N, C-alpha and C. Protein backbone atom coordinates (compact mmCIF):
# COMPACT_ATOMS: atom_id res chain seq x y z
N MET A 1 -35.55 90.77 4.39
CA MET A 1 -35.83 92.00 3.73
C MET A 1 -34.66 92.33 2.80
N LYS A 2 -34.96 92.74 1.58
CA LYS A 2 -33.92 93.18 0.65
C LYS A 2 -33.75 94.67 0.78
N ILE A 3 -32.50 95.11 0.65
CA ILE A 3 -32.21 96.53 0.73
C ILE A 3 -31.16 96.86 -0.33
N ARG A 4 -31.35 98.00 -0.99
CA ARG A 4 -30.40 98.45 -2.01
C ARG A 4 -30.05 99.90 -1.70
N PRO A 5 -28.79 100.15 -1.31
CA PRO A 5 -28.39 101.53 -1.02
C PRO A 5 -28.49 102.41 -2.27
N LEU A 6 -28.71 103.69 -2.07
CA LEU A 6 -28.81 104.63 -3.17
C LEU A 6 -27.48 105.33 -3.43
N HIS A 7 -27.26 105.70 -4.66
CA HIS A 7 -26.13 106.50 -5.11
C HIS A 7 -24.79 105.92 -4.67
N ASP A 8 -23.99 106.66 -3.90
CA ASP A 8 -22.66 106.21 -3.52
C ASP A 8 -22.64 105.63 -2.10
N ARG A 9 -23.76 105.14 -1.65
CA ARG A 9 -23.83 104.56 -0.31
C ARG A 9 -23.57 103.06 -0.35
N ILE A 10 -23.07 102.54 0.78
CA ILE A 10 -22.67 101.14 0.89
C ILE A 10 -23.24 100.58 2.18
N LEU A 11 -23.83 99.40 2.12
CA LEU A 11 -24.34 98.70 3.30
C LEU A 11 -23.30 97.69 3.73
N VAL A 12 -22.85 97.78 4.99
CA VAL A 12 -21.84 96.86 5.51
C VAL A 12 -22.29 96.24 6.82
N LYS A 13 -21.70 95.10 7.13
CA LYS A 13 -21.93 94.42 8.41
C LYS A 13 -20.57 94.31 9.09
N ARG A 14 -20.49 94.81 10.33
CA ARG A 14 -19.22 94.78 11.06
C ARG A 14 -18.73 93.34 11.25
N LEU A 15 -17.41 93.16 11.14
CA LEU A 15 -16.79 91.87 11.43
C LEU A 15 -16.41 91.84 12.91
N GLU A 16 -16.55 90.70 13.53
CA GLU A 16 -16.23 90.57 14.95
C GLU A 16 -14.73 90.66 15.18
N GLU A 17 -14.34 91.40 16.22
CA GLU A 17 -12.94 91.51 16.61
C GLU A 17 -12.54 90.26 17.38
N GLU A 18 -11.26 89.98 17.38
CA GLU A 18 -10.73 88.86 18.16
C GLU A 18 -10.95 89.13 19.65
N ALA A 19 -11.31 88.10 20.40
CA ALA A 19 -11.51 88.25 21.83
C ALA A 19 -10.22 88.00 22.60
N LYS A 20 -9.15 87.69 21.85
CA LYS A 20 -7.88 87.36 22.47
C LYS A 20 -6.77 88.17 21.79
N THR A 21 -5.81 88.64 22.56
CA THR A 21 -4.68 89.37 22.00
C THR A 21 -3.68 88.39 21.39
N ALA A 22 -2.69 88.91 20.69
CA ALA A 22 -1.65 88.07 20.09
C ALA A 22 -0.88 87.31 21.16
N GLY A 23 -0.80 87.88 22.36
CA GLY A 23 -0.08 87.23 23.46
C GLY A 23 -0.92 86.20 24.20
N GLY A 24 -2.19 86.04 23.83
CA GLY A 24 -3.04 85.03 24.44
C GLY A 24 -3.94 85.54 25.55
N LEU A 25 -3.94 86.84 25.82
CA LEU A 25 -4.80 87.39 26.86
C LEU A 25 -6.20 87.63 26.31
N PHE A 26 -7.21 87.32 27.12
CA PHE A 26 -8.59 87.56 26.71
C PHE A 26 -9.00 88.98 27.04
N ILE A 27 -9.71 89.62 26.12
CA ILE A 27 -10.16 90.99 26.29
C ILE A 27 -11.61 90.96 26.78
N PRO A 28 -11.91 91.58 27.94
CA PRO A 28 -13.30 91.59 28.42
C PRO A 28 -14.18 92.46 27.54
N ASP A 29 -15.46 92.16 27.52
CA ASP A 29 -16.41 92.90 26.68
C ASP A 29 -16.41 94.40 26.99
N SER A 30 -16.21 94.75 28.24
CA SER A 30 -16.24 96.16 28.63
C SER A 30 -15.05 96.95 28.05
N ALA A 31 -13.96 96.26 27.69
CA ALA A 31 -12.77 96.94 27.16
C ALA A 31 -12.72 96.92 25.63
N LYS A 32 -13.63 96.21 25.01
CA LYS A 32 -13.61 96.11 23.55
C LYS A 32 -14.16 97.37 22.92
N GLU A 33 -13.58 97.74 21.78
CA GLU A 33 -14.11 98.84 20.98
C GLU A 33 -14.88 98.25 19.81
N LYS A 34 -15.73 99.05 19.21
CA LYS A 34 -16.44 98.58 18.03
C LYS A 34 -15.44 98.34 16.91
N PRO A 35 -15.58 97.25 16.19
CA PRO A 35 -14.64 96.97 15.11
C PRO A 35 -14.77 97.98 13.97
N ILE A 36 -13.65 98.20 13.28
CA ILE A 36 -13.64 99.12 12.14
C ILE A 36 -13.47 98.35 10.84
N GLN A 37 -13.61 97.04 10.90
CA GLN A 37 -13.58 96.20 9.71
C GLN A 37 -14.99 95.71 9.45
N ALA A 38 -15.35 95.61 8.17
CA ALA A 38 -16.70 95.17 7.82
C ALA A 38 -16.69 94.44 6.49
N LYS A 39 -17.77 93.70 6.26
CA LYS A 39 -17.97 93.03 4.98
C LYS A 39 -19.08 93.79 4.25
N VAL A 40 -18.84 94.08 2.98
CA VAL A 40 -19.81 94.80 2.17
C VAL A 40 -20.97 93.87 1.83
N VAL A 41 -22.19 94.28 2.15
CA VAL A 41 -23.39 93.49 1.87
C VAL A 41 -24.02 93.93 0.55
N ALA A 42 -24.12 95.24 0.33
CA ALA A 42 -24.73 95.77 -0.90
C ALA A 42 -24.15 97.15 -1.19
N VAL A 43 -24.15 97.52 -2.46
CA VAL A 43 -23.64 98.84 -2.87
C VAL A 43 -24.66 99.53 -3.77
N GLY A 44 -24.59 100.85 -3.78
CA GLY A 44 -25.44 101.64 -4.66
C GLY A 44 -24.88 101.66 -6.08
N ALA A 45 -25.57 102.34 -6.97
CA ALA A 45 -25.17 102.38 -8.39
C ALA A 45 -23.92 103.22 -8.61
N GLY A 46 -23.71 104.23 -7.81
CA GLY A 46 -22.55 105.09 -7.96
C GLY A 46 -22.90 106.56 -7.86
N LYS A 47 -21.87 107.38 -7.90
CA LYS A 47 -22.02 108.83 -7.77
C LYS A 47 -22.14 109.45 -9.16
N ARG A 48 -22.91 110.50 -9.28
CA ARG A 48 -23.03 111.21 -10.55
C ARG A 48 -22.02 112.35 -10.61
N ASP A 49 -21.37 112.50 -11.77
CA ASP A 49 -20.46 113.63 -11.94
C ASP A 49 -21.25 114.86 -12.40
N LYS A 50 -20.56 115.95 -12.68
CA LYS A 50 -21.26 117.20 -13.01
C LYS A 50 -21.99 117.13 -14.34
N ASP A 51 -21.65 116.16 -15.20
CA ASP A 51 -22.35 115.98 -16.48
C ASP A 51 -23.52 115.00 -16.38
N GLY A 52 -23.74 114.43 -15.18
CA GLY A 52 -24.84 113.49 -14.98
C GLY A 52 -24.48 112.04 -15.24
N LYS A 53 -23.23 111.77 -15.59
CA LYS A 53 -22.76 110.41 -15.86
C LYS A 53 -22.49 109.70 -14.53
N ILE A 54 -22.90 108.43 -14.41
CA ILE A 54 -22.71 107.67 -13.17
C ILE A 54 -21.30 107.10 -13.13
N ILE A 55 -20.61 107.37 -12.02
CA ILE A 55 -19.27 106.82 -11.78
C ILE A 55 -19.45 105.64 -10.83
N PRO A 56 -19.16 104.40 -11.29
CA PRO A 56 -19.38 103.23 -10.44
C PRO A 56 -18.45 103.23 -9.22
N LEU A 57 -18.87 102.53 -8.16
CA LEU A 57 -18.08 102.45 -6.94
C LEU A 57 -16.92 101.47 -7.11
N ASP A 58 -15.87 101.66 -6.29
CA ASP A 58 -14.69 100.79 -6.35
C ASP A 58 -14.87 99.50 -5.56
N VAL A 59 -15.90 99.40 -4.74
CA VAL A 59 -16.12 98.20 -3.93
C VAL A 59 -17.33 97.44 -4.45
N LYS A 60 -17.39 96.16 -4.10
CA LYS A 60 -18.53 95.33 -4.51
C LYS A 60 -18.95 94.47 -3.32
N ALA A 61 -20.11 93.87 -3.40
CA ALA A 61 -20.60 93.01 -2.33
C ALA A 61 -19.60 91.88 -2.10
N GLY A 62 -19.32 91.60 -0.83
CA GLY A 62 -18.38 90.55 -0.46
C GLY A 62 -17.00 91.06 -0.10
N ASP A 63 -16.66 92.30 -0.46
CA ASP A 63 -15.35 92.87 -0.11
C ASP A 63 -15.27 93.12 1.39
N LYS A 64 -14.05 93.02 1.94
CA LYS A 64 -13.80 93.40 3.33
C LYS A 64 -13.16 94.77 3.29
N VAL A 65 -13.66 95.68 4.14
CA VAL A 65 -13.20 97.06 4.11
C VAL A 65 -12.87 97.57 5.51
N LEU A 66 -12.06 98.63 5.56
CA LEU A 66 -11.80 99.39 6.77
C LEU A 66 -12.52 100.73 6.64
N PHE A 67 -13.07 101.22 7.75
CA PHE A 67 -13.77 102.51 7.71
C PHE A 67 -13.46 103.30 8.96
N SER A 68 -13.76 104.58 8.93
CA SER A 68 -13.53 105.46 10.07
C SER A 68 -14.38 105.02 11.25
N LYS A 69 -13.86 105.19 12.44
CA LYS A 69 -14.52 104.71 13.66
C LYS A 69 -15.92 105.27 13.86
N TYR A 70 -16.12 106.56 13.61
CA TYR A 70 -17.41 107.19 13.91
C TYR A 70 -18.21 107.53 12.66
N SER A 71 -17.98 106.82 11.57
CA SER A 71 -18.68 107.15 10.33
C SER A 71 -19.92 106.27 10.14
N GLY A 72 -20.81 106.71 9.28
CA GLY A 72 -21.97 105.91 8.90
C GLY A 72 -23.15 106.06 9.83
N SER A 73 -24.23 105.43 9.40
CA SER A 73 -25.48 105.42 10.17
C SER A 73 -25.81 103.98 10.51
N GLU A 74 -26.02 103.71 11.80
CA GLU A 74 -26.34 102.35 12.23
C GLU A 74 -27.82 102.06 12.00
N ILE A 75 -28.10 100.89 11.44
CA ILE A 75 -29.48 100.45 11.23
C ILE A 75 -29.59 98.97 11.59
N LYS A 76 -30.82 98.52 11.83
CA LYS A 76 -31.07 97.10 12.09
C LYS A 76 -31.90 96.55 10.94
N ILE A 77 -31.45 95.42 10.39
CA ILE A 77 -32.17 94.73 9.33
C ILE A 77 -32.36 93.30 9.78
N ASP A 78 -33.60 92.87 9.90
CA ASP A 78 -33.93 91.52 10.37
C ASP A 78 -33.24 91.20 11.69
N GLY A 79 -33.15 92.18 12.60
CA GLY A 79 -32.56 91.98 13.92
C GLY A 79 -31.05 92.04 13.96
N GLU A 80 -30.38 92.27 12.83
CA GLU A 80 -28.92 92.33 12.80
C GLU A 80 -28.46 93.77 12.56
N GLU A 81 -27.37 94.15 13.23
CA GLU A 81 -26.84 95.51 13.10
C GLU A 81 -26.04 95.66 11.81
N HIS A 82 -26.29 96.73 11.08
CA HIS A 82 -25.56 97.07 9.87
C HIS A 82 -25.23 98.56 9.90
N LEU A 83 -24.37 98.98 8.99
CA LEU A 83 -24.04 100.39 8.81
C LEU A 83 -24.25 100.78 7.37
N ILE A 84 -24.72 101.99 7.15
CA ILE A 84 -24.77 102.55 5.80
C ILE A 84 -23.72 103.66 5.77
N LEU A 85 -22.76 103.51 4.85
CA LEU A 85 -21.65 104.45 4.72
C LEU A 85 -21.63 105.04 3.32
N ARG A 86 -20.98 106.17 3.17
CA ARG A 86 -20.67 106.69 1.85
C ARG A 86 -19.32 106.11 1.44
N GLU A 87 -19.08 106.03 0.15
CA GLU A 87 -17.80 105.50 -0.32
C GLU A 87 -16.64 106.33 0.23
N ASP A 88 -16.84 107.62 0.44
CA ASP A 88 -15.79 108.50 0.97
C ASP A 88 -15.39 108.13 2.40
N ASP A 89 -16.28 107.44 3.15
CA ASP A 89 -15.98 107.05 4.53
C ASP A 89 -15.05 105.84 4.60
N LEU A 90 -14.91 105.11 3.50
CA LEU A 90 -14.04 103.94 3.50
C LEU A 90 -12.58 104.35 3.43
N LEU A 91 -11.75 103.62 4.17
CA LEU A 91 -10.33 103.91 4.19
C LEU A 91 -9.54 102.97 3.28
N ALA A 92 -9.95 101.69 3.21
CA ALA A 92 -9.21 100.71 2.41
C ALA A 92 -10.07 99.48 2.18
N VAL A 93 -9.69 98.73 1.14
CA VAL A 93 -10.28 97.42 0.86
C VAL A 93 -9.22 96.39 1.24
N LEU A 94 -9.60 95.39 2.05
CA LEU A 94 -8.67 94.36 2.48
C LEU A 94 -8.68 93.19 1.49
N ASP A 95 -7.50 92.73 1.12
CA ASP A 95 -7.40 91.57 0.20
C ASP A 95 -7.24 90.29 0.97
């Protein structure tokens, strides 16, 4: 299924967290938190300013981003979990 977010919304897929700490200890599933890193799958056209002009988004499909822990709306597309976020919910783009 194809999906195109509207306006300043962004469709992302969470990236899996490491199952092992830097010291080599394995983290059980019950102690893991949801990751706050994601890969951008699709972006909307942008936000409109007060004059009606579209301001394009700073992110593009394929970017890796950080977002707030409790932001966005969770959806399932073809059996896979995704999030729809506003550009304002993003904290940073990872290089």
